[in-house]
Amino acid sequence: MTHHDPHSEAADAVHEGRPVDAQYVRGARPGKRILILLIVSAGAAAVLLLGMWFVSNGGFATTNANTGDQAVDTAAFDDSAPPTPTAPTN
């Protein structure tokens, strides 16, 4: 049994002036290993991001302690001046 050498297959095709088969110049063997790796890593990243969101979500909810009272807080920054009281004229 002889060793199959992809380099010599591609070199022979180049020297003979014919096109080189894609399987010899691809750089990797065909297979589904890369696709599986990409799916697993994308799933792991999604699980990690969701986990971080669930852990930090409670902390973000407690940053605004006066939810619903924002109208009271904006009164301090209201630019419209209240009417000035006038002296009663009798």
Protein backbone atom coordinates (compact mmCIF):
# COMPACT_ATOMS: atom_id res chain seq x y z
CA MET A 1 0.00 0.00 0.00
CA THR A 2 1.48 3.35 -0.98
CA HIS A 3 1.18 6.66 0.84
CA HIS A 4 -1.21 9.06 -0.86
CA ASP A 5 0.56 12.40 -1.27
CA PRO A 6 -1.77 15.31 -2.15
CA HIS A 7 1.18 17.58 -2.88
CA SER A 8 2.49 15.35 -5.65
CA GLU A 9 -1.03 15.07 -7.13
CA ALA A 10 -1.32 18.88 -7.29
CA ALA A 11 2.26 19.30 -8.53
CA ASP A 12 1.75 16.76 -11.32
CA ALA A 13 -1.37 18.61 -12.46
CA VAL A 14 0.45 21.95 -12.48
CA HIS A 15 3.41 20.56 -14.42
CA GLU A 16 1.13 18.94 -16.96
CA GLY A 17 -0.85 22.18 -17.41
CA ARG A 18 -4.22 20.82 -16.34
CA PRO A 19 -6.47 22.19 -13.58
CA VAL A 20 -5.79 21.05 -10.03
CA ASP A 21 -8.67 19.31 -8.26
CA ALA A 22 -10.16 21.32 -5.39
CA GLN A 23 -9.62 18.48 -2.93
CA TYR A 24 -5.86 18.86 -3.33
CA VAL A 25 -5.65 22.63 -2.82
CA ARG A 26 -8.36 23.15 -0.23
CA GLY A 27 -6.03 23.18 2.76
CA ALA A 28 -8.15 20.85 4.89
CA ARG A 29 -9.96 17.60 4.57
CA PRO A 30 -13.66 17.72 3.84
CA GLY A 31 -15.86 17.02 6.82
CA LYS A 32 -18.40 18.36 9.25
CA ARG A 33 -16.04 18.84 12.17
CA ILE A 34 -15.69 22.59 11.62
CA LEU A 35 -19.46 23.04 11.32
CA ILE A 36 -19.98 21.14 14.57
CA LEU A 37 -17.30 23.23 16.25
CA LEU A 38 -18.96 26.46 15.09
CA ILE A 39 -22.39 25.33 16.28
CA VAL A 40 -21.07 24.26 19.68
CA SER A 41 -19.10 27.48 20.18
CA ALA A 42 -22.06 29.66 19.13
CA GLY A 43 -24.30 27.77 21.54
CA ALA A 44 -21.77 28.14 24.34
CA ALA A 45 -21.50 31.88 23.68
CA ALA A 46 -25.30 32.21 23.74
CA VAL A 47 -25.56 30.30 27.02
CA LEU A 48 -22.79 32.42 28.53
CA LEU A 49 -24.40 35.69 27.48
CA LEU A 50 -27.83 34.60 28.72
CA GLY A 51 -26.28 33.53 32.02
CA MET A 52 -24.56 36.87 32.43
CA TRP A 53 -27.81 38.66 31.62
CA PHE A 54 -29.78 36.63 34.18
CA VAL A 55 -27.16 37.28 36.86
CA SER A 56 -26.92 41.01 36.24
CA ASN A 57 -30.59 41.65 35.48
CA GLY A 58 -31.54 41.87 39.16
CA GLY A 59 -28.85 44.45 39.80
CA PHE A 60 -30.06 46.67 36.97
CA ALA A 61 -33.66 46.50 38.20
CA THR A 62 -32.71 47.88 41.62
CA THR A 63 -30.79 50.91 40.34
CA ASN A 64 -33.96 52.99 39.99
CA ALA A 65 -35.55 52.74 43.42
CA ASN A 66 -38.32 55.29 42.80
CA THR A 67 -39.95 53.75 39.76
CA GLY A 68 -43.18 55.60 39.05
CA ASP A 69 -42.22 58.78 40.94
CA GLN A 70 -40.27 60.43 38.15
CA ALA A 71 -42.83 63.27 37.84
CA VAL A 72 -42.01 64.31 41.41
CA ASP A 73 -38.29 64.24 40.64
CA THR A 74 -38.64 66.39 37.53
CA ALA A 75 -40.32 69.18 39.46
CA ALA A 76 -36.93 70.20 40.85
CA PHE A 77 -35.63 70.76 37.32
CA ASP A 78 -38.72 72.46 35.90
CA ASP A 79 -37.75 75.76 34.27
CA SER A 80 -41.18 77.36 34.39
CA ALA A 81 -41.30 79.76 37.31
CA PRO A 82 -44.34 79.65 39.60
CA PRO A 83 -46.45 82.78 39.63
CA THR A 84 -45.16 85.33 42.12
CA PRO A 85 -47.62 86.20 44.85
CA THR A 86 -48.87 89.76 44.83
CA ALA A 87 -49.84 91.86 47.83
CA PRO A 88 -53.57 92.13 48.39
CA THR A 89 -54.99 95.53 47.51
CA ASN A 90 -57.69 96.73 49.92
